């Protein structure tokens, strides 16, 4: 063996070692990204579950008494007691789309 051969062997070994460590570093980086994405998914899932539990514990209930009171007040206006016209019905004033009668007749 000449003096150049051991140097070449050492250079190839160093290059192989460097290539192996680069590949290993890339694999570790991919594994770290994968773990990071998994942790983000788990955190999001935990947040959604906490929101569901909070909503279940703090359900809103309708105010039945107020609804009944409003319905009774609305019903006392008779047939014409609606949100649209009120108790007096539609006023036959001029300017309502050019007509002075109800329902365009």
PDB file of N, CA and C in Angstrom:
ATOM      1  N   UNK A   1       0.824  -1.176   0.000  1.00  0.00           N
ATOM      2  CA  UNK A   1       0.000   0.000   0.000  1.00  0.00           C
ATOM      3  C   UNK A   1       0.865   1.234   0.000  1.00  0.00           C
ATOM      4  N   UNK A   2       0.434   2.136  -0.816  1.00  0.00           N
ATOM      5  CA  UNK A   2       1.160   3.399  -0.845  1.00  0.00           C
ATOM      6  C   UNK A   2       0.549   4.340   0.183  1.00  0.00           C
ATOM      7  N   UNK A   3       1.120   5.493   0.381  1.00  0.00           N
ATOM      8  CA  UNK A   3       0.648   6.465   1.361  1.00  0.00           C
ATOM      9  C   UNK A   3      -0.654   7.127   0.949  1.00  0.00           C
ATOM     10  N   UNK A   4      -0.962   7.111  -0.345  1.00  0.00           N
ATOM     11  CA  UNK A   4      -2.163   7.778  -0.831  1.00  0.00           C
ATOM     12  C   UNK A   4      -3.403   6.931  -0.589  1.00  0.00           C
ATOM     13  N   UNK A   5      -3.239   5.615  -0.586  1.00  0.00           N
ATOM     14  CA  UNK A   5      -4.404   4.746  -0.421  1.00  0.00           C
ATOM     15  C   UNK A   5      -5.067   4.899   0.949  1.00  0.00           C
ATOM     16  N   UNK A   6      -4.327   4.908   2.041  1.00  0.00           N
ATOM     17  CA  UNK A   6      -4.988   5.089   3.334  1.00  0.00           C
ATOM     18  C   UNK A   6      -5.659   6.458   3.440  1.00  0.00           C
ATOM     19  N   UNK A   7      -5.080   7.453   2.795  1.00  0.00           N
ATOM     20  CA  UNK A   7      -5.681   8.779   2.825  1.00  0.00           C
ATOM     21  C   UNK A   7      -7.003   8.773   2.061  1.00  0.00           C
ATOM     22  N   UNK A   8      -7.022   8.086   0.895  1.00  0.00           N
ATOM     23  CA  UNK A   8      -8.276   7.982   0.130  1.00  0.00           C
ATOM     24  C   UNK A   8      -9.336   7.210   0.917  1.00  0.00           C
ATOM     25  N   UNK A   9      -8.922   6.141   1.547  1.00  0.00           N
ATOM     26  CA  UNK A   9      -9.864   5.346   2.337  1.00  0.00           C
ATOM     27  C   UNK A   9     -10.429   6.197   3.475  1.00  0.00           C
ATOM     28  N   UNK A  10      -9.596   6.945   4.121  1.00  0.00           N
ATOM     29  CA  UNK A  10     -10.044   7.817   5.211  1.00  0.00           C
ATOM     30  C   UNK A  10     -10.983   8.899   4.693  1.00  0.00           C
ATOM     31  N   UNK A  11     -10.692   9.443   3.490  1.00  0.00           N
ATOM     32  CA  UNK A  11     -11.554  10.472   2.904  1.00  0.00           C
ATOM     33  C   UNK A  11     -12.924   9.899   2.558  1.00  0.00           C
ATOM     34  N   UNK A  12     -12.915   8.684   1.955  1.00  0.00           N
ATOM     35  CA  UNK A  12     -14.198   8.042   1.630  1.00  0.00           C
ATOM     36  C   UNK A  12     -14.986   7.711   2.891  1.00  0.00           C
ATOM     37  N   UNK A  13     -14.305   7.275   3.911  1.00  0.00           N
ATOM     38  CA  UNK A  13     -14.970   6.956   5.178  1.00  0.00           C
ATOM     39  C   UNK A  13     -15.571   8.218   5.791  1.00  0.00           C
ATOM     40  N   UNK A  14     -14.826   9.317   5.718  1.00  0.00           N
ATOM     41  CA  UNK A  14     -15.337  10.581   6.260  1.00  0.00           C
ATOM     42  C   UNK A  14     -16.530  11.071   5.462  1.00  0.00           C
ATOM     43  N   UNK A  15     -16.459  10.931   4.119  1.00  0.00           N
ATOM     44  CA  UNK A  15     -17.581  11.350   3.275  1.00  0.00           C
ATOM     45  C   UNK A  15     -18.800  10.483   3.550  1.00  0.00           C
ATOM     46  N   UNK A  16     -18.590   9.187   3.699  1.00  0.00           N
ATOM     47  CA  UNK A  16     -19.703   8.287   4.018  1.00  0.00           C
ATOM     48  C   UNK A  16     -20.306   8.607   5.364  1.00  0.00           C
ATOM     49  N   UNK A  17     -19.445   8.922   6.319  1.00  0.00           N
ATOM     50  CA  UNK A  17     -19.917   9.276   7.650  1.00  0.00           C
ATOM     51  C   UNK A  17     -20.714  10.576   7.617  1.00  0.00           C
ATOM     52  N   UNK A  18     -20.233  11.543   6.830  1.00  0.00           N
ATOM     53  CA  UNK A  18     -20.939  12.824   6.703  1.00  0.00           C
ATOM     54  C   UNK A  18     -22.288  12.620   6.036  1.00  0.00           C
ATOM     55  N   UNK A  19     -22.313  11.811   4.974  1.00  0.00           N
ATOM     56  CA  UNK A  19     -23.577  11.546   4.272  1.00  0.00           C
ATOM     57  C   UNK A  19     -24.562  10.848   5.200  1.00  0.00           C
ATOM     58  N   UNK A  20     -24.074   9.907   5.973  1.00  0.00           N
ATOM     59  CA  UNK A  20     -24.940   9.187   6.905  1.00  0.00           C
ATOM     60  C   UNK A  20     -25.500  10.129   7.958  1.00  0.00           C
ATOM     61  N   UNK A  21     -24.683  11.046   8.447  1.00  0.00           N
ATOM     62  CA  UNK A  21     -25.185  11.967   9.465  1.00  0.00           C
ATOM     63  C   UNK A  21     -26.165  12.979   8.870  1.00  0.00           C
ATOM     64  N   UNK A  22     -25.977  13.355   7.590  1.00  0.00           N
ATOM     65  CA  UNK A  22     -26.934  14.255   6.938  1.00  0.00           C
ATOM     66  C   UNK A  22     -28.281  13.554   6.787  1.00  0.00           C
ATOM     67  N   UNK A  23     -28.255  12.300   6.344  1.00  0.00           N
ATOM     68  CA  UNK A  23     -29.489  11.528   6.184  1.00  0.00           C
ATOM     69  C   UNK A  23     -30.165  11.350   7.532  1.00  0.00           C
ATOM     70  N   UNK A  24     -29.378  11.040   8.544  1.00  0.00           N
ATOM     71  CA  UNK A  24     -29.938  10.860   9.881  1.00  0.00           C
ATOM     72  C   UNK A  24     -30.540  12.171  10.396  1.00  0.00           C
ATOM     73  N   UNK A  25     -29.882  13.271  10.118  1.00  0.00           N
ATOM     74  CA  UNK A  25     -30.416  14.571  10.524  1.00  0.00           C
ATOM     75  C   UNK A  25     -31.731  14.886   9.834  1.00  0.00           C
ATOM     76  N   UNK A  26     -31.831  14.551   8.552  1.00  0.00           N
ATOM     77  CA  UNK A  26     -33.081  14.779   7.816  1.00  0.00           C
ATOM     78  C   UNK A  26     -34.198  13.905   8.378  1.00  0.00           C
ATOM     79  N   UNK A  27     -33.872  12.660   8.713  1.00  0.00           N
ATOM     80  CA  UNK A  27     -34.883  11.774   9.281  1.00  0.00           C
ATOM     81  C   UNK A  27     -35.367  12.297  10.626  1.00  0.00           C
ATOM     82  N   UNK A  28     -34.441  12.802  11.434  1.00  0.00           N
ATOM     83  CA  UNK A  28     -34.825  13.362  12.732  1.00  0.00           C
ATOM     84  C   UNK A  28     -35.700  14.596  12.560  1.00  0.00           C
ATOM     85  N   UNK A  29     -35.379  15.415  11.560  1.00  0.00           N
ATOM     86  CA  UNK A  29     -36.172  16.618  11.316  1.00  0.00           C
ATOM     87  C   UNK A  29     -37.593  16.240  10.887  1.00  0.00           C
ATOM     88  N   UNK A  30     -37.706  15.235  10.006  1.00  0.00           N
ATOM     89  CA  UNK A  30     -39.044  14.777   9.589  1.00  0.00           C
ATOM     90  C   UNK A  30     -39.823  14.222  10.773  1.00  0.00           C
ATOM     91  N   UNK A  31     -39.147  13.450  11.610  1.00  0.00           N
ATOM     92  CA  UNK A  31     -39.811  12.887  12.786  1.00  0.00           C
ATOM     93  C   UNK A  31     -40.259  13.990  13.740  1.00  0.00           C
ATOM     94  N   UNK A  32     -39.452  15.024  13.887  1.00  0.00           N
ATOM     95  CA  UNK A  32     -39.813  16.140  14.760  1.00  0.00           C
ATOM     96  C   UNK A  32     -41.021  16.898  14.202  1.00  0.00           C
ATOM     97  N   UNK A  33     -41.050  17.122  12.876  1.00  0.00           N
ATOM     98  CA  UNK A  33     -42.201  17.799  12.264  1.00  0.00           C
ATOM     99  C   UNK A  33     -43.458  16.963  12.430  1.00  0.00           C
ATOM    100  N   UNK A  34     -43.308  15.656  12.232  1.00  0.00           N
ATOM    101  CA  UNK A  34     -44.454  14.756  12.390  1.00  0.00           C
ATOM    102  C   UNK A  34     -44.979  14.813  13.813  1.00  0.00           C
ATOM    103  N   UNK A  35     -44.081  14.791  14.786  1.00  0.00           N
ATOM    104  CA  UNK A  35     -44.484  14.865  16.192  1.00  0.00           C
ATOM    105  C   UNK A  35     -45.141  16.208  16.504  1.00  0.00           C
ATOM    106  N   UNK A  36     -44.641  17.272  15.904  1.00  0.00           N
ATOM    107  CA  UNK A  36     -45.211  18.603  16.118  1.00  0.00           C
ATOM    108  C   UNK A  36     -46.638  18.681  15.564  1.00  0.00           C
ATOM    109  N   UNK A  37     -46.830  18.140  14.365  1.00  0.00           N
ATOM    110  CA  UNK A  37     -48.185  18.132  13.779  1.00  0.00           C
ATOM    111  C   UNK A  37     -49.141  17.303  14.626  1.00  0.00           C
ATOM    112  N   UNK A  38     -48.663  16.159  15.114  1.00  0.00           N
ATOM    113  CA  UNK A  38     -49.491  15.301  15.961  1.00  0.00           C
ATOM    114  C   UNK A  38     -49.873  16.026  17.249  1.00  0.00           C
ATOM    115  N   UNK A  39     -48.922  16.721  17.846  1.00  0.00           N
ATOM    116  CA  UNK A  39     -49.202  17.464  19.084  1.00  0.00           C
ATOM    117  C   UNK A  39     -50.208  18.578  18.822  1.00  0.00           C
ATOM    118  N   UNK A  40     -50.103  19.253  17.678  1.00  0.00           N
ATOM    119  CA  UNK A  40     -51.061  20.315  17.335  1.00  0.00           C
ATOM    120  C   UNK A  40     -52.459  19.732  17.151  1.00  0.00           C
ATOM    121  N   UNK A  41     -52.549  18.564  16.498  1.00  0.00           N
ATOM    122  CA  UNK A  41     -53.866  17.925  16.321  1.00  0.00           C
ATOM    123  C   UNK A  41     -54.461  17.526  17.663  1.00  0.00           C
ATOM    124  N   UNK A  42     -53.626  17.003  18.535  1.00  0.00           N
ATOM    125  CA  UNK A  42     -54.121  16.603  19.853  1.00  0.00           C
ATOM    126  C   UNK A  42     -54.572  17.816  20.671  1.00  0.00           C
ATOM    127  N   UNK A  43     -53.835  18.914  20.585  1.00  0.00           N
ATOM    128  CA  UNK A  43     -54.223  20.131  21.308  1.00  0.00           C
ATOM    129  C   UNK A  43     -55.542  20.672  20.778  1.00  0.00           C
ATOM    130  N   UNK A  44     -55.705  20.655  19.456  1.00  0.00           N
ATOM    131  CA  UNK A  44     -56.955  21.130  18.853  1.00  0.00           C
ATOM    132  C   UNK A  44     -58.121  20.244  19.267  1.00  0.00           C
ATOM    133  N   UNK A  45     -57.899  18.947  19.278  1.00  0.00           N
ATOM    134  CA  UNK A  45     -58.941  18.013  19.693  1.00  0.00           C
ATOM    135  C   UNK A  45     -59.318  18.243  21.155  1.00  0.00           C
ATOM    136  N   UNK A  46     -58.317  18.454  22.002  1.00  0.00           N
ATOM    137  CA  UNK A  46     -58.594  18.713  23.415  1.00  0.00           C
ATOM    138  C   UNK A  46     -59.360  20.018  23.592  1.00  0.00           C
ATOM    139  N   UNK A  47     -59.027  21.017  22.792  1.00  0.00           N
ATOM    140  CA  UNK A  47     -59.730  22.302  22.881  1.00  0.00           C
ATOM    141  C   UNK A  47     -61.195  22.140  22.452  1.00  0.00           C
ATOM    142  N   UNK A  48     -61.434  21.392  21.377  1.00  0.00           N
ATOM    143  CA  UNK A  48     -62.819  21.159  20.944  1.00  0.00           C
ATOM    144  C   UNK A  48     -63.609  20.403  22.011  1.00  0.00           C
ATOM    145  N   UNK A  49     -62.974  19.402  22.626  1.00  0.00           N
ATOM    146  CA  UNK A  49     -63.648  18.635  23.670  1.00  0.00           C
ATOM    147  C   UNK A  49     -63.961  19.523  24.877  1.00  0.00           C
ATOM    148  N   UNK A  50     -63.026  20.384  25.251  1.00  0.00           N
ATOM    149  CA  UNK A  50     -63.273  21.297  26.370  1.00  0.00           C
ATOM    150  C   UNK A  50     -64.418  22.253  26.052  1.00  0.00           C
ATOM    151  N   UNK A  51     -64.481  22.732  24.804  1.00  0.00           N
ATOM    152  CA  UNK A  51     -65.567  23.621  24.397  1.00  0.00           C
ATOM    153  C   UNK A  51     -66.909  22.893  24.460  1.00  0.00           C
ATOM    154  N   UNK A  52     -66.942  21.627  23.999  1.00  0.00           N
ATOM    155  CA  UNK A  52     -68.179  20.840  24.076  1.00  0.00           C
ATOM    156  C   UNK A  52     -68.625  20.660  25.517  1.00  0.00           C
ATOM    157  N   UNK A  53     -67.687  20.341  26.397  1.00  0.00           N
ATOM    158  CA  UNK A  53     -68.029  20.148  27.809  1.00  0.00           C
ATOM    159  C   UNK A  53     -68.527  21.448  28.439  1.00  0.00           C
ATOM    160  N   UNK A  54     -67.883  22.563  28.100  1.00  0.00           N
ATOM    161  CA  UNK A  54     -68.314  23.861  28.615  1.00  0.00           C
ATOM    162  C   UNK A  54     -69.726  24.183  28.139  1.00  0.00           C
ATOM    163  N   UNK A  55     -69.983  23.957  26.840  1.00  0.00           N
ATOM    164  CA  UNK A  55     -71.308  24.242  26.293  1.00  0.00           C
ATOM    165  C   UNK A  55     -72.371  23.351  26.929  1.00  0.00           C
ATOM    166  N   UNK A  56     -72.031  22.096  27.177  1.00  0.00           N
ATOM    167  CA  UNK A  56     -72.998  21.194  27.803  1.00  0.00           C
ATOM    168  C   UNK A  56     -73.299  21.634  29.229  1.00  0.00           C
ATOM    169  N   UNK A  57     -72.288  22.124  29.940  1.00  0.00           N
ATOM    170  CA  UNK A  57     -72.487  22.546  31.324  1.00  0.00           C
ATOM    171  C   UNK A  57     -73.207  23.885  31.422  1.00  0.00           C
ATOM    172  N   UNK A  58     -73.117  24.720  30.394  1.00  0.00           N
ATOM    173  CA  UNK A  58     -73.685  26.065  30.450  1.00  0.00           C
ATOM    174  C   UNK A  58     -74.755  26.274  29.380  1.00  0.00           C
ATOM    175  N   UNK A  59     -75.663  25.323  29.279  1.00  0.00           N
ATOM    176  CA  UNK A  59     -76.716  25.463  28.278  1.00  0.00           C
ATOM    177  C   UNK A  59     -77.653  26.597  28.662  1.00  0.00           C
ATOM    178  N   UNK A  60     -78.092  27.316  27.634  1.00  0.00           N
ATOM    179  CA  UNK A  60     -79.041  28.399  27.865  1.00  0.00           C
ATOM    180  C   UNK A  60     -80.456  27.833  27.797  1.00  0.00           C
ATOM    181  N   UNK A  61     -81.307  28.317  28.661  1.00  0.00           N
ATOM    182  CA  UNK A  61     -82.700  27.886  28.677  1.00  0.00           C
ATOM    183  C   UNK A  61     -83.578  29.067  28.265  1.00  0.00           C
ATOM    184  N   UNK A  62     -84.614  28.812  27.501  1.00  0.00           N
ATOM    185  CA  UNK A  62     -85.495  29.917  27.100  1.00  0.00           C
ATOM    186  C   UNK A  62     -86.289  30.442  28.295  1.00  0.00           C
ATOM    187  N   UNK A  63     -86.619  31.719  28.247  1.00  0.00           N
ATOM    188  CA  UNK A  63     -87.426  32.349  29.289  1.00  0.00           C
ATOM    189  C   UNK A  63     -88.888  32.111  28.926  1.00  0.00           C
ATOM    190  N   UNK A  64     -89.433  31.018  29.420  1.00  0.00           N
ATOM    191  CA  UNK A  64     -90.791  30.599  29.068  1.00  0.00           C
ATOM    192  C   UNK A  64     -91.816  31.642  29.496  1.00  0.00           C
ATOM    193  N   UNK A  65     -91.638  32.231  30.657  1.00  0.00           N
ATOM    194  CA  UNK A  65     -92.605  33.218  31.160  1.00  0.00           C
ATOM    195  C   UNK A  65     -92.673  34.428  30.226  1.00  0.00           C
ATOM    196  N   UNK A  66     -91.528  34.908  29.768  1.00  0.00           N
ATOM    197  CA  UNK A  66     -91.513  36.057  28.861  1.00  0.00           C
ATOM    198  C   UNK A  66     -92.130  35.702  27.518  1.00  0.00           C
ATOM    199  N   UNK A  67     -91.877  34.500  27.030  1.00  0.00           N
ATOM    200  CA  UNK A  67     -92.480  34.069  25.756  1.00  0.00           C
ATOM    201  C   UNK A  67     -94.004  34.000  25.870  1.00  0.00           C
ATOM    202  N   UNK A  68     -94.481  33.430  26.963  1.00  0.00           N
ATOM    203  CA  UNK A  68     -95.933  33.325  27.160  1.00  0.00           C
ATOM    204  C   UNK A  68     -96.562  34.713  27.279  1.00  0.00           C
ATOM    205  N   UNK A  69     -95.920  35.618  27.994  1.00  0.00           N
ATOM    206  CA  UNK A  69     -96.446  36.976  28.166  1.00  0.00           C
ATOM    207  C   UNK A  69     -96.541  37.683  26.812  1.00  0.00           C
ATOM    208  N   UNK A  70     -95.474  37.551  26.000  1.00  0.00           N
ATOM    209  CA  UNK A  70     -95.485  38.191  24.682  1.00  0.00           C
ATOM    210  C   UNK A  70     -96.551  37.578  23.783  1.00  0.00           C
ATOM    211  N   UNK A  71     -96.720  36.261  23.849  1.00  0.00           N
ATOM    212  CA  UNK A  71     -97.744  35.617  23.027  1.00  0.00           C
ATOM    213  C   UNK A  71     -99.149  36.048  23.443  1.00  0.00           C
ATOM    214  N   UNK A  72     -99.381  36.187  24.750  1.00  0.00           N
ATOM    215  CA  UNK A  72    -100.697  36.642  25.205  1.00  0.00           C
ATOM    216  C   UNK A  72    -100.960  38.072  24.738  1.00  0.00           C
ATOM    217  N   UNK A  73     -99.933  38.926  24.811  1.00  0.00           N
ATOM    218  CA  UNK A  73    -100.088  40.317  24.377  1.00  0.00           C
ATOM    219  C   UNK A  73    -100.348  40.377  22.878  1.00  0.00           C
ATOM    220  N   UNK A  74     -99.690  39.540  22.108  1.00  0.00           N
ATOM    221  CA  UNK A  74     -99.897  39.521  20.664  1.00  0.00           C
ATOM    222  C   UNK A  74    -101.298  39.006  20.321  1.00  0.00           C
ATOM    223  N   UNK A  75    -101.762  38.021  21.064  1.00  0.00           N
ATOM    224  CA  UNK A  75    -103.066  37.437  20.798  1.00  0.00           C
ATOM    225  C   UNK A  75    -104.218  38.361  21.149  1.00  0.00           C
ATOM    226  N   UNK A  76    -103.981  39.322  22.001  1.00  0.00           N
ATOM    227  CA  UNK A  76    -105.072  40.208  22.400  1.00  0.00           C
ATOM    228  C   UNK A  76    -105.416  41.208  21.306  1.00  0.00           C
ATOM    229  N   UNK A  77    -104.612  41.301  20.270  1.00  0.00           N
ATOM    230  CA  UNK A  77    -104.877  42.239  19.190  1.00  0.00           C
ATOM    231  C   UNK A  77    -105.861  41.701  18.165  1.00  0.00           C
ATOM    232  N   UNK A  78    -106.285  40.467  18.301  1.00  0.00           N
ATOM    233  CA  UNK A  78    -107.213  39.891  17.337  1.00  0.00           C
ATOM    234  C   UNK A  78    -106.491  39.468  16.065  1.00  0.00           C
ATOM    235  N   UNK A  79    -107.252  39.324  14.996  1.00  0.00           N
ATOM    236  CA  UNK A  79    -106.687  38.869  13.723  1.00  0.00           C
ATOM    237  C   UNK A  79    -105.686  39.875  13.185  1.00  0.00           C
ATOM    238  N   UNK A  80    -105.937  41.145  13.373  1.00  0.00           N
ATOM    239  CA  UNK A  80    -105.042  42.142  12.800  1.00  0.00           C
ATOM    240  C   UNK A  80    -103.817  42.406  13.674  1.00  0.00           C
ATOM    241  N   UNK A  81    -103.692  41.733  14.788  1.00  0.00           N
ATOM    242  CA  UNK A  81    -102.554  41.967  15.670  1.00  0.00           C
ATOM    243  C   UNK A  81    -101.343  41.149  15.240  1.00  0.00           C
ATOM    244  N   UNK A  82    -100.639  41.589  14.230  1.00  0.00           N
ATOM    245  CA  UNK A  82     -99.441  40.889  13.768  1.00  0.00           C
ATOM    246  C   UNK A  82     -98.260  41.829  13.824  1.00  0.00           C
ATOM    247  N   UNK A  83     -97.079  41.299  13.627  1.00  0.00           N
ATOM    248  CA  UNK A  83     -95.882  42.126  13.588  1.00  0.00           C
ATOM    249  C   UNK A  83     -95.923  43.090  12.403  1.00  0.00           C
ATOM    250  N   UNK A  84     -96.499  42.672  11.296  1.00  0.00           N
ATOM    251  CA  UNK A  84     -96.438  43.476  10.087  1.00  0.00           C
ATOM    252  C   UNK A  84     -97.369  44.688  10.117  1.00  0.00           C
ATOM    253  N   UNK A  85     -98.575  44.509  10.586  1.00  0.00           N
ATOM    254  CA  UNK A  85     -99.547  45.589  10.482  1.00  0.00           C
ATOM    255  C   UNK A  85     -99.910  46.224  11.807  1.00  0.00           C
ATOM    256  N   UNK A  86     -99.788  45.522  12.894  1.00  0.00           N
ATOM    257  CA  UNK A  86    -100.212  46.050  14.177  1.00  0.00           C
ATOM    258  C   UNK A  86    -101.708  45.861  14.355  1.00  0.00           C
ATOM    259  N   UNK A  87    -102.257  46.384  15.434  1.00  0.00           N
ATOM    260  CA  UNK A  87    -103.669  46.165  15.745  1.00  0.00           C
ATOM    261  C   UNK A  87    -104.597  46.901  14.791  1.00  0.00           C
ATOM    262  N   UNK A  88    -104.152  47.989  14.197  1.00  0.00           N
ATOM    263  CA  UNK A  88    -105.019  48.767  13.319  1.00  0.00           C
ATOM    264  C   UNK A  88    -105.016  48.320  11.875  1.00  0.00           C
ATOM    265  N   UNK A  89    -104.205  47.366  11.510  1.00  0.00           N
ATOM    266  CA  UNK A  89    -104.136  46.931  10.119  1.00  0.00           C
ATOM    267  C   UNK A  89    -103.304  47.896   9.289  1.00  0.00           C
ATOM    268  N   UNK A  90    -103.402  47.784   7.990  1.00  0.00           N
ATOM    269  CA  UNK A  90    -102.639  48.634   7.070  1.00  0.00           C
ATOM    270  C   UNK A  90    -103.421  49.918   6.830  1.00  0.00           C
ATOM    271  N   UNK A  91    -102.713  51.044   6.884  1.00  0.00           N
ATOM    272  CA  UNK A  91    -103.406  52.306   6.632  1.00  0.00           C
ATOM    273  C   UNK A  91    -103.587  52.490   5.126  1.00  0.00           C
ATOM    274  N   UNK A  92    -104.770  52.907   4.708  1.00  0.00           N
ATOM    275  CA  UNK A  92    -105.009  53.085   3.266  1.00  0.00           C
ATOM    276  C   UNK A  92    -104.582  54.468   2.786  1.00  0.00           C
ATOM    277  N   UNK A  93    -103.423  54.918   3.185  1.00  0.00           N
ATOM    278  CA  UNK A  93    -102.957  56.240   2.778  1.00  0.00           C
ATOM    279  C   UNK A  93    -102.358  56.174   1.374  1.00  0.00           C
ATOM    280  N   UNK A  94    -102.420  57.251   0.646  1.00  0.00           N
ATOM    281  CA  UNK A  94    -101.837  57.271  -0.698  1.00  0.00           C
ATOM    282  C   UNK A  94    -100.313  57.149  -0.629  1.00  0.00           C
ATOM    283  N   UNK A  95     -99.713  56.682  -1.674  1.00  0.00           N
ATOM    284  CA  UNK A  95     -98.272  56.561  -1.730  1.00  0.00           C
ATOM    285  C   UNK A  95     -97.758  55.179  -1.443  1.00  0.00           C
ATOM    286  N   UNK A  96     -98.636  54.261  -1.123  1.00  0.00           N
ATOM    287  CA  UNK A  96     -98.183  52.889  -0.897  1.00  0.00           C
ATOM    288  C   UNK A  96     -98.124  52.191  -2.232  1.00  0.00           C
ATOM    289  N   UNK A  97     -97.005  52.325  -2.906  1.00  0.00           N
ATOM    290  CA  UNK A  97     -96.783  51.743  -4.230  1.00  0.00           C
ATOM    291  C   UNK A  97     -97.819  52.251  -5.237  1.00  0.00           C
ATOM    292  N   UNK A  98     -98.324  53.444  -5.038  1.00  0.00           N
ATOM    293  CA  UNK A  98     -99.261  54.028  -5.979  1.00  0.00           C
ATOM    294  C   UNK A  98    -100.694  53.548  -5.811  1.00  0.00           C
ATOM    295  N   UNK A  99    -100.982  52.761  -4.804  1.00  0.00           N
ATOM    296  CA  UNK A  99    -102.333  52.235  -4.592  1.00  0.00           C
ATOM    297  C   UNK A  99    -102.888  52.776  -3.293  1.00  0.00           C
ATOM    298  N   UNK A 100    -104.183  52.920  -3.221  1.00  0.00           N
ATOM    299  CA  UNK A 100    -104.813  53.355  -1.976  1.00  0.00           C
ATOM    300  C   UNK A 100    -105.653  52.256  -1.362  1.00  0.00           C
ATOM    301  N   UNK A 101    -105.649  51.060  -1.940  1.00  0.00           N
ATOM    302  CA  UNK A 101    -106.422  49.962  -1.395  1.00  0.00           C
ATOM    303  C   UNK A 101    -105.464  48.848  -0.972  1.00  0.00           C
ATOM    304  N   UNK A 102    -105.967  47.937  -0.197  1.00  0.00           N
ATOM    305  CA  UNK A 102    -105.148  46.828   0.288  1.00  0.00           C
ATOM    306  C   UNK A 102    -104.974  45.781  -0.799  1.00  0.00           C
ATOM    307  N   UNK A 103    -103.889  45.070  -0.761  1.00  0.00           N
ATOM    308  CA  UNK A 103    -103.587  43.958  -1.656  1.00  0.00           C
ATOM    309  C   UNK A 103    -103.638  44.339  -3.129  1.00  0.00           C
ATOM    310  N   UNK A 104    -103.462  45.583  -3.450  1.00  0.00           N
ATOM    311  CA  UNK A 104    -103.377  46.030  -4.840  1.00  0.00           C
ATOM    312  C   UNK A 104    -104.646  45.928  -5.624  1.00  0.00           C
ATOM    313  N   UNK A 105    -105.769  45.765  -4.973  1.00  0.00           N
ATOM    314  CA  UNK A 105    -107.021  45.636  -5.727  1.00  0.00           C
ATOM    315  C   UNK A 105    -107.622  47.005  -6.043  1.00  0.00           C
TER     316      UNK A 105
END
